[in-house]
Amino acid sequence: MNQLAEMLIKEWHNRPLPDIISRDIDLAEYSNLQIRKIVSLVGFRRVGKTYIFLDFAKKIGKADCLYINFEDERIPKKVGFLSDVIDALTEISGIKPYTLLFDEIQNVPDWSIWARRIVETTNHKLFVTGSSSKLTSRELPTELRGRSLTVNIEPLNFSEFLRFKKTDYDLLPVARQQNFLREYITYGGFPEVSLVDEGKKILVINEYYNTFVSRDIIERHRIRNSELLNSLIKLLLNSPFYTISGLTKSLKSMGFDTGKATIARYISYLEESLFLRNLELYTPSVKKRGKAQRKPYFVDNAFLFRFSTEFSDNFGRLMENMVFNRLPNIYYWRNYQEKEIDFVEREREVNNKLIQVSFVNDRSEIKEREIKNLILGSEILKCDDLNLITWSVEGFVEKSGRRIKLIPISKFLI
């Protein structure tokens, strides 16, 4: 029996589980599937995938599952070790089926070949996590296509954030509600960040950023010029729009000897790590869409607040990033006069909702251009569901025969 495999199994069974605050996601619904599937939990580093696993283990019984974190430095990055774990588990517990909870398994080369064999030839249930889009259904290795279900894990939503704060939002006075909302919009939804004192939040965010850059980008992709990478990330964090050519030109003006191919490759790494998400221009022309500027958004407001000199004090931008992360199937829209709509939500090839985001506390603060752009967009994009997400203003605006809903961001998030 492999001694390390045996040690890890015994450590798991002897180690008490920590106190856990449950998230909205419930893995139990994936545990009783009538079909054999690998369940992949995919999300950015430190969004809470491990604790979701541990909460699941507590619910189904720790004795019936095995959790291993493959970022443990003791574990060899060899696929044969995965088989050693199963052999040791069988030797210790017999042929009893287990729920296998394998964290950050993408660190093991060729893990997918092993995973397919385990799911097809044993009664074990396999749940895996990863901090890379390579574990999503869209990018899974060929041998796992059709054999995997992807569960996307995001930072805490606002309801989960309030649960972590152990507070009932509806029972709070307005001032306290606003304080919680402002904290959430400012520092984002990383579970640990939400729990630490405000004076320590920046320290935790710094550690998250440095670990993400070093492990998920520099080490994984063997990048030599870390200064170029960090400068690129800071440019993206401070840019409302970008093109590869524009970024390359800016970096060259800062003294970096680089080209568009390198910058495009680095951006693909940031997307793969789930740190960066791009919003494309809505246009029927695929060619125009590919050439147009993109809008960068980020996995959590924590990074935008901490590392953006341009947007850290811009609450409208922080709100916009938060709204982006809650919307499916979206684009932005802009015409040749640069009239813009933040988000165009599409479903089945139809524009079903237009959304602007603005940090306003009073109707008198609503800028005329926000209303005019929604009305213009409604005419051109053939959409009547018009929305302006505000800080605290609620109601409707009637203009030019159209009604615009004013939605406080707290109600949008909850």
Protein backbone atom coordinates (compact mmCIF):
# COMPACT_ATOMS: atom_id res chain seq x y z
CA MET A 1 0.00 0.00 0.00
CA ASN A 2 1.28 3.47 -0.85
CA GLN A 3 2.19 5.03 2.52
CA LEU A 4 1.34 8.61 1.52
CA ALA A 5 -2.06 7.56 0.17
CA GLU A 6 -2.75 5.67 3.40
CA MET A 7 -1.66 8.69 5.45
CA LEU A 8 -3.94 11.08 3.56
CA ILE A 9 -6.94 8.76 4.01
CA LYS A 10 -6.32 8.39 7.74
CA GLU A 11 -5.73 12.13 8.13
CA TRP A 12 -9.10 12.79 6.55
CA HIS A 13 -10.96 10.37 8.80
CA ASN A 14 -9.21 11.61 11.96
CA ARG A 15 -9.44 15.34 11.27
CA PRO A 16 -12.59 17.10 12.56
CA LEU A 17 -14.46 19.27 10.08
CA PRO A 18 -14.44 23.04 10.69
CA ASP A 19 -17.53 25.11 11.35
CA ILE A 20 -19.07 25.88 7.96
CA ILE A 21 -21.63 28.42 6.80
CA SER A 22 -23.68 26.76 4.08
CA ARG A 23 -23.86 28.32 0.62
CA ASP A 24 -26.85 28.33 -1.71
CA ILE A 25 -25.31 25.56 -3.82
CA ASP A 26 -26.30 22.06 -2.67
CA LEU A 27 -24.23 19.21 -4.09
CA ALA A 28 -26.69 16.62 -2.81
CA GLU A 29 -28.77 17.06 -5.94
CA TYR A 30 -25.75 15.92 -7.98
CA SER A 31 -25.01 12.97 -5.69
CA ASN A 32 -28.05 10.90 -6.57
CA LEU A 33 -27.90 11.09 -10.34
CA GLN A 34 -29.07 7.99 -12.18
CA ILE A 35 -26.26 8.44 -14.70
CA ARG A 36 -22.53 8.18 -14.19
CA LYS A 37 -21.04 11.68 -14.32
CA ILE A 38 -17.99 13.47 -13.01
CA VAL A 39 -19.16 16.63 -11.25
CA SER A 40 -16.73 19.54 -11.73
CA LEU A 41 -16.89 22.53 -9.40
CA VAL A 42 -15.20 25.37 -11.27
CA GLY A 43 -14.41 28.77 -9.85
CA PHE A 44 -11.70 31.29 -9.16
CA ARG A 45 -9.23 30.60 -6.36
CA ARG A 46 -10.66 31.16 -2.85
CA VAL A 47 -14.31 31.54 -3.84
CA GLY A 48 -15.19 28.75 -1.40
CA LYS A 49 -15.03 25.51 -3.41
CA THR A 50 -13.22 23.65 -0.63
CA TYR A 51 -15.75 24.64 2.02
CA ILE A 52 -18.60 23.63 -0.27
CA PHE A 53 -16.92 20.20 -0.46
CA LEU A 54 -16.51 20.03 3.32
CA ASP A 55 -20.11 21.11 3.88
CA PHE A 56 -21.19 18.36 1.48
CA ALA A 57 -19.04 15.85 3.36
CA LYS A 58 -20.73 16.82 6.61
CA LYS A 59 -24.18 16.34 5.08
CA ILE A 60 -23.56 12.92 3.52
CA GLY A 61 -21.35 11.64 6.34
CA LYS A 62 -17.59 11.99 6.56
CA ALA A 63 -17.15 8.21 6.79
CA ASP A 64 -18.63 7.76 3.31
CA CYS A 65 -16.38 10.18 1.47
CA LEU A 66 -12.74 11.11 0.99
CA TYR A 67 -11.42 14.63 0.54
CA ILE A 68 -7.92 15.32 -0.83
CA ASN A 69 -6.44 18.68 -1.83
CA PHE A 70 -3.98 18.20 -4.69
CA GLU A 71 -2.20 21.44 -3.89
CA ASP A 72 -0.71 19.56 -0.93
CA GLU A 73 3.04 19.75 -1.57
CA ARG A 74 3.50 16.15 -0.39
CA ILE A 75 1.45 14.75 -3.27
CA PRO A 76 3.39 13.78 -6.41
CA LYS A 77 2.05 15.29 -9.63
CA LYS A 78 1.67 11.87 -11.24
CA VAL A 79 -1.53 10.23 -12.38
CA GLY A 80 -0.41 6.92 -10.88
CA PHE A 81 -0.86 8.39 -7.40
CA LEU A 82 -4.59 8.73 -8.05
CA SER A 83 -4.77 4.97 -8.58
CA ASP A 84 -2.68 4.47 -5.44
CA VAL A 85 -5.32 6.37 -3.47
CA ILE A 86 -8.11 4.11 -4.75
CA ASP A 87 -6.05 0.99 -4.04
CA ALA A 88 -5.34 2.18 -0.49
CA LEU A 89 -9.00 3.07 0.04
CA THR A 90 -10.05 -0.41 -1.08
CA GLU A 91 -7.47 -2.04 1.16
CA ILE A 92 -8.62 -0.02 4.17
CA SER A 93 -12.39 -0.10 3.62
CA GLY A 94 -13.04 -2.96 1.21
CA ILE A 95 -15.22 -2.55 -1.88
CA LYS A 96 -17.50 0.06 -0.27
CA PRO A 97 -18.36 2.87 -2.73
CA TYR A 98 -17.07 6.30 -1.72
CA THR A 99 -17.81 9.85 -2.74
CA LEU A 100 -14.43 11.19 -3.83
CA LEU A 101 -13.93 14.94 -3.31
CA PHE A 102 -10.71 15.84 -5.12
CA ASP A 103 -9.71 19.49 -4.86
CA GLU A 104 -7.62 21.27 -7.55
CA ILE A 105 -7.20 18.01 -9.45
CA GLN A 106 -6.02 19.80 -12.60
CA ASN A 107 -2.58 19.92 -10.94
CA VAL A 108 -2.20 16.23 -11.82
CA PRO A 109 -1.29 15.63 -15.50
CA ASP A 110 -3.61 13.23 -17.35
CA TRP A 111 -6.08 13.17 -14.45
CA SER A 112 -8.98 13.08 -16.93
CA ILE A 113 -7.98 9.66 -18.31
CA TRP A 114 -7.94 8.26 -14.78
CA ALA A 115 -11.25 9.98 -13.96
CA ARG A 116 -13.03 8.40 -16.90
CA ARG A 117 -11.87 4.94 -15.88
CA ILE A 118 -12.96 5.40 -12.25
CA VAL A 119 -16.43 6.60 -13.19
CA GLU A 120 -16.95 3.86 -15.79
CA THR A 121 -15.49 0.88 -13.90
CA THR A 122 -16.16 1.53 -10.18
CA ASN A 123 -19.09 2.54 -7.99
CA HIS A 124 -17.26 5.56 -6.61
CA LYS A 125 -18.77 9.01 -7.21
CA LEU A 126 -16.25 11.60 -8.31
CA PHE A 127 -16.47 15.32 -7.55
CA VAL A 128 -13.55 17.53 -8.58
CA THR A 129 -12.71 21.21 -8.32
CA GLY A 130 -10.43 23.50 -10.25
CA SER A 131 -9.42 27.15 -10.54
CA SER A 132 -9.37 27.02 -14.31
CA SER A 133 -11.89 27.09 -17.12
CA LYS A 134 -10.17 23.91 -18.38
CA LEU A 135 -12.56 22.01 -16.08
CA THR A 136 -15.70 23.48 -17.63
CA SER A 137 -17.82 21.37 -19.98
CA ARG A 138 -16.76 23.62 -22.86
CA GLU A 139 -13.03 23.02 -22.40
CA LEU A 140 -12.83 19.56 -20.87
CA PRO A 141 -10.40 17.06 -22.39
CA THR A 142 -11.91 14.93 -25.17
CA GLU A 143 -12.13 11.79 -23.06
CA LEU A 144 -14.53 13.50 -20.61
CA ARG A 145 -16.88 15.12 -23.12
CA GLY A 146 -20.40 14.08 -22.23
CA ARG A 147 -19.21 12.48 -18.99
CA SER A 148 -19.06 15.59 -16.85
CA LEU A 149 -21.40 18.16 -15.30
CA THR A 150 -20.03 21.62 -14.53
CA VAL A 151 -21.12 23.56 -11.45
CA ASN A 152 -19.89 27.15 -11.54
CA ILE A 153 -18.92 28.52 -8.14
CA GLU A 154 -18.89 32.31 -7.82
CA PRO A 155 -17.99 34.56 -4.89
CA LEU A 156 -20.77 35.06 -2.36
CA ASN A 157 -23.96 36.57 -3.68
CA PHE A 158 -25.50 39.30 -1.55
CA SER A 159 -27.88 36.93 0.25
CA GLU A 160 -24.97 34.61 1.10
CA PHE A 161 -22.88 37.60 2.20
CA LEU A 162 -25.63 38.60 4.66
CA ARG A 163 -25.80 34.99 5.88
CA PHE A 164 -22.05 35.11 6.56
CA LYS A 165 -22.64 38.36 8.45
CA LYS A 166 -25.40 36.62 10.45
CA THR A 167 -27.86 39.42 9.82
CA ASP A 168 -31.44 39.77 8.61
CA TYR A 169 -31.27 42.60 6.10
CA ASP A 170 -35.00 43.34 6.13
CA LEU A 171 -34.99 43.96 9.89
CA LEU A 172 -32.12 46.45 9.82
CA PRO A 173 -32.55 50.23 9.83
CA VAL A 174 -31.83 51.85 6.48
CA ALA A 175 -28.43 53.19 7.59
CA ARG A 176 -27.25 49.71 8.59
CA GLN A 177 -28.59 48.24 5.33
CA GLN A 178 -26.59 50.81 3.39
CA ASN A 179 -23.44 50.00 5.36
CA PHE A 180 -23.68 46.29 4.56
CA LEU A 181 -24.44 47.01 0.91
CA ARG A 182 -21.53 49.43 0.65
CA GLU A 183 -19.16 46.88 2.21
CA TYR A 184 -20.31 44.20 -0.22
CA ILE A 185 -20.00 46.43 -3.29
CA THR A 186 -16.59 47.70 -2.16
CA TYR A 187 -14.84 44.54 -0.98
CA GLY A 188 -16.75 41.94 -2.97
CA GLY A 189 -17.84 38.44 -2.08
CA PHE A 190 -14.80 36.34 -1.23
CA PRO A 191 -15.94 34.40 1.87
CA GLU A 192 -12.81 35.06 3.93
CA VAL A 193 -12.75 38.75 3.03
CA SER A 194 -16.35 39.10 4.17
CA LEU A 195 -15.52 37.60 7.56
CA VAL A 196 -12.35 39.48 8.52
CA ASP A 197 -12.26 42.93 10.11
CA GLU A 198 -12.18 45.84 7.68
CA GLY A 199 -8.60 46.70 8.62
CA LYS A 200 -7.44 43.26 7.46
CA LYS A 201 -9.45 43.01 4.25
CA ILE A 202 -6.79 44.65 2.08
CA LEU A 203 -4.11 42.29 3.44
CA VAL A 204 -6.23 39.26 2.49
CA ILE A 205 -6.98 40.69 -0.97
CA ASN A 206 -3.27 41.33 -1.54
CA GLU A 207 -2.49 37.72 -0.63
CA TYR A 208 -5.20 36.43 -2.99
CA TYR A 209 -3.87 38.53 -5.85
CA ASN A 210 -0.23 37.53 -5.34
CA THR A 211 -1.11 33.82 -5.04
CA PHE A 212 -3.32 33.93 -8.12
CA VAL A 213 -0.66 35.66 -10.24
CA SER A 214 2.20 33.43 -9.09
CA ARG A 215 0.45 30.03 -9.10
CA ASP A 216 -2.29 30.28 -11.69
CA ILE A 217 -0.48 32.40 -14.26
CA ILE A 218 3.30 32.59 -13.81
CA GLU A 219 3.99 29.03 -12.59
CA ARG A 220 1.29 27.28 -14.61
CA HIS A 221 2.26 28.97 -17.87
CA ARG A 222 5.98 29.41 -17.13
CA ILE A 223 5.95 33.15 -17.69
CA ARG A 224 9.35 34.82 -17.39
CA ASN A 225 8.38 38.49 -17.58
CA SER A 226 6.24 38.88 -14.45
CA GLU A 227 6.61 42.68 -14.56
CA LEU A 228 4.95 42.78 -17.99
CA LEU A 229 2.15 40.54 -16.76
CA ASN A 230 1.46 42.67 -13.69
CA SER A 231 1.52 45.87 -15.75
CA LEU A 232 -0.97 44.33 -18.20
CA ILE A 233 -3.31 43.35 -15.36
CA LYS A 234 -3.15 46.87 -13.90
CA LEU A 235 -3.92 48.35 -17.32
CA LEU A 236 -6.96 46.09 -17.68
CA LEU A 237 -8.16 46.99 -14.19
CA ASN A 238 -8.02 50.66 -15.13
CA SER A 239 -9.53 50.42 -18.62
CA PRO A 240 -13.25 50.80 -19.39
CA PHE A 241 -12.52 49.40 -22.88
CA TYR A 242 -9.53 47.78 -24.55
CA THR A 243 -8.12 46.30 -27.72
CA ILE A 244 -5.04 44.11 -28.00
CA SER A 245 -3.38 46.74 -30.19
CA GLY A 246 -4.13 49.50 -27.70
CA LEU A 247 -2.78 47.52 -24.75
CA THR A 248 0.38 46.60 -26.68
CA LYS A 249 0.97 50.23 -27.61
CA SER A 250 0.50 51.35 -23.99
CA LEU A 251 2.89 48.71 -22.68
CA LYS A 252 5.52 49.63 -25.27
CA SER A 253 5.25 53.28 -24.18
CA MET A 254 6.01 52.02 -20.64
CA GLY A 255 9.27 50.51 -21.89
CA PHE A 256 8.25 46.88 -22.43
CA ASP A 257 9.51 45.05 -25.51
CA THR A 258 6.40 43.05 -26.37
CA GLY A 259 4.03 42.26 -29.21
CA LYS A 260 0.33 41.68 -29.80
CA ALA A 261 0.70 37.88 -29.83
CA THR A 262 2.21 37.91 -26.33
CA ILE A 263 -0.46 40.23 -24.95
CA ALA A 264 -3.24 38.15 -26.53
CA ARG A 265 -1.73 35.02 -24.97
CA TYR A 266 -1.50 36.61 -21.52
CA ILE A 267 -5.11 37.73 -21.73
CA SER A 268 -6.17 34.19 -22.63
CA TYR A 269 -4.39 32.99 -19.46
CA LEU A 270 -6.30 35.55 -17.37
CA GLU A 271 -9.57 34.37 -18.91
CA GLU A 272 -8.68 30.72 -18.38
CA SER A 273 -8.00 31.42 -14.69
CA LEU A 274 -11.48 33.00 -14.45
CA PHE A 275 -10.00 36.31 -13.24
CA LEU A 276 -10.96 38.28 -16.37
CA ARG A 277 -14.21 38.20 -18.30
CA ASN A 278 -14.78 40.17 -21.47
CA LEU A 279 -17.94 41.77 -22.76
CA GLU A 280 -18.32 42.07 -26.51
CA LEU A 281 -20.12 44.67 -28.58
CA TYR A 282 -23.61 43.68 -29.72
CA THR A 283 -23.75 43.83 -33.50
CA PRO A 284 -25.21 41.40 -36.05
CA SER A 285 -21.83 41.47 -37.81
CA VAL A 286 -19.49 38.83 -36.39
CA LYS A 287 -16.56 40.56 -38.11
CA LYS A 288 -17.34 43.91 -36.47
CA ARG A 289 -17.80 42.23 -33.11
CA GLY A 290 -14.37 40.64 -33.34
CA LYS A 291 -12.66 43.94 -34.19
CA ALA A 292 -14.53 46.12 -31.70
CA GLN A 293 -13.26 47.16 -28.29
CA ARG A 294 -14.01 44.83 -25.41
CA LYS A 295 -15.08 45.80 -21.91
CA PRO A 296 -13.10 44.05 -19.14
CA TYR A 297 -14.87 42.80 -16.03
CA PHE A 298 -13.43 40.88 -13.11
CA VAL A 299 -14.38 37.92 -10.98
CA ASP A 300 -14.82 40.06 -7.86
CA ASN A 301 -14.92 43.73 -6.88
CA ALA A 302 -12.11 43.17 -4.39
CA PHE A 303 -9.48 43.38 -7.14
CA LEU A 304 -11.09 46.33 -8.87
CA PHE A 305 -11.25 48.26 -5.59
CA ARG A 306 -7.74 47.34 -4.47
CA PHE A 307 -5.73 47.65 -7.67
CA SER A 308 -7.60 50.15 -9.84
CA THR A 309 -6.50 53.75 -9.38
CA GLU A 310 -9.06 54.75 -12.00
CA PHE A 311 -12.11 52.99 -10.56
CA SER A 312 -11.45 52.33 -6.84
CA ASP A 313 -13.37 55.50 -5.89
CA ASN A 314 -15.84 55.17 -8.78
CA PHE A 315 -18.83 53.49 -7.16
CA GLY A 316 -20.67 53.36 -10.47
CA ARG A 317 -17.92 51.17 -11.91
CA LEU A 318 -17.96 48.90 -8.86
CA MET A 319 -21.73 48.56 -9.17
CA GLU A 320 -21.40 47.82 -12.89
CA ASN A 321 -18.88 45.05 -12.26
CA MET A 322 -21.19 43.53 -9.66
CA VAL A 323 -24.18 43.66 -12.01
CA PHE A 324 -22.16 42.11 -14.84
CA ASN A 325 -21.38 39.07 -12.70
CA ARG A 326 -25.11 38.46 -12.12
CA LEU A 327 -26.30 38.60 -15.74
CA PRO A 328 -26.38 35.83 -18.37
CA ASN A 329 -26.00 36.14 -22.15
CA ILE A 330 -25.09 39.80 -22.33
CA TYR A 331 -23.32 42.31 -24.60
CA TYR A 332 -22.79 46.04 -24.52
CA TRP A 333 -24.11 48.35 -27.24
CA ARG A 334 -22.65 51.52 -28.72
CA ASN A 335 -23.42 53.39 -31.92
CA TYR A 336 -21.17 55.54 -34.12
CA GLN A 337 -22.00 58.60 -31.96
CA GLU A 338 -20.73 56.66 -28.93
CA LYS A 339 -24.17 56.48 -27.32
CA GLU A 340 -23.81 53.47 -25.07
CA ILE A 341 -25.85 50.95 -23.11
CA ASP A 342 -24.03 48.99 -20.42
CA PHE A 343 -25.77 45.66 -20.90
CA VAL A 344 -27.96 44.11 -23.58
CA GLU A 345 -29.42 40.84 -22.31
CA ARG A 346 -30.26 38.41 -25.11
CA GLU A 347 -32.21 35.17 -25.15
CA ARG A 348 -32.90 33.00 -28.19
CA GLU A 349 -31.56 35.66 -30.55
CA VAL A 350 -33.88 38.31 -29.10
CA ASN A 351 -32.87 41.43 -27.13
CA ASN A 352 -35.07 41.03 -24.07
CA LYS A 353 -33.63 43.58 -21.63
CA LEU A 354 -31.53 46.78 -21.69
CA ILE A 355 -29.73 47.79 -18.51
CA GLN A 356 -27.85 50.91 -17.46
CA VAL A 357 -26.02 51.18 -14.13
CA SER A 358 -25.60 54.51 -12.35
CA PHE A 359 -24.61 55.52 -8.81
CA VAL A 360 -27.47 57.88 -7.99
CA ASN A 361 -29.22 58.47 -4.66
CA ASP A 362 -31.92 60.84 -5.88
CA ARG A 363 -34.01 61.31 -9.00
CA SER A 364 -32.42 64.72 -9.52
CA GLU A 365 -29.04 63.01 -9.93
CA ILE A 366 -30.15 60.85 -12.87
CA LYS A 367 -28.27 62.07 -15.93
CA GLU A 368 -30.29 62.83 -19.00
CA ARG A 369 -27.93 60.81 -21.18
CA GLU A 370 -28.78 57.60 -19.26
CA ILE A 371 -32.46 58.02 -20.13
CA LYS A 372 -31.81 59.12 -23.72
CA ASN A 373 -29.46 56.20 -24.38
CA LEU A 374 -32.03 53.70 -23.13
CA ILE A 375 -34.73 55.23 -25.31
CA LEU A 376 -32.44 55.29 -28.36
CA GLY A 377 -31.36 51.71 -27.68
CA SER A 378 -34.98 50.66 -27.32
CA GLU A 379 -35.76 52.00 -30.80
CA ILE A 380 -32.71 50.50 -32.51
CA LEU A 381 -32.56 47.17 -30.65
CA LYS A 382 -36.34 46.62 -30.63
CA CYS A 383 -36.57 46.12 -26.88
CA ASP A 384 -39.10 47.64 -24.46
CA ASP A 385 -37.78 46.25 -21.15
CA LEU A 386 -35.69 49.23 -20.04
CA ASN A 387 -33.89 49.31 -16.69
CA LEU A 388 -31.70 51.73 -14.76
CA ILE A 389 -30.01 50.18 -11.74
CA THR A 390 -29.38 52.88 -9.13
CA TRP A 391 -27.89 53.04 -5.67
CA SER A 392 -31.19 53.70 -3.90
CA VAL A 393 -33.74 55.30 -6.26
CA GLU A 394 -36.83 53.21 -7.02
CA GLY A 395 -39.79 53.77 -9.29
CA PHE A 396 -40.28 54.62 -12.97
CA VAL A 397 -39.36 57.28 -15.48
CA GLU A 398 -41.83 57.90 -18.33
CA LYS A 399 -40.43 59.53 -21.46
CA SER A 400 -41.09 59.45 -25.21
CA GLY A 401 -43.82 56.87 -24.70
CA ARG A 402 -41.49 54.47 -22.89
CA ARG A 403 -41.25 53.41 -19.27
CA ILE A 404 -37.87 52.93 -17.59
CA LYS A 405 -37.71 50.95 -14.35
CA LEU A 406 -35.51 52.38 -11.59
CA ILE A 407 -34.16 49.48 -9.52
CA PRO A 408 -32.06 49.93 -6.35
CA ILE A 409 -29.01 47.68 -6.57
CA SER A 410 -29.88 46.02 -3.24
CA LYS A 411 -33.15 44.74 -4.76
CA PHE A 412 -31.39 43.69 -7.95
CA LEU A 413 -28.82 41.69 -5.95
CA ILE A 414 -31.29 40.09 -3.58
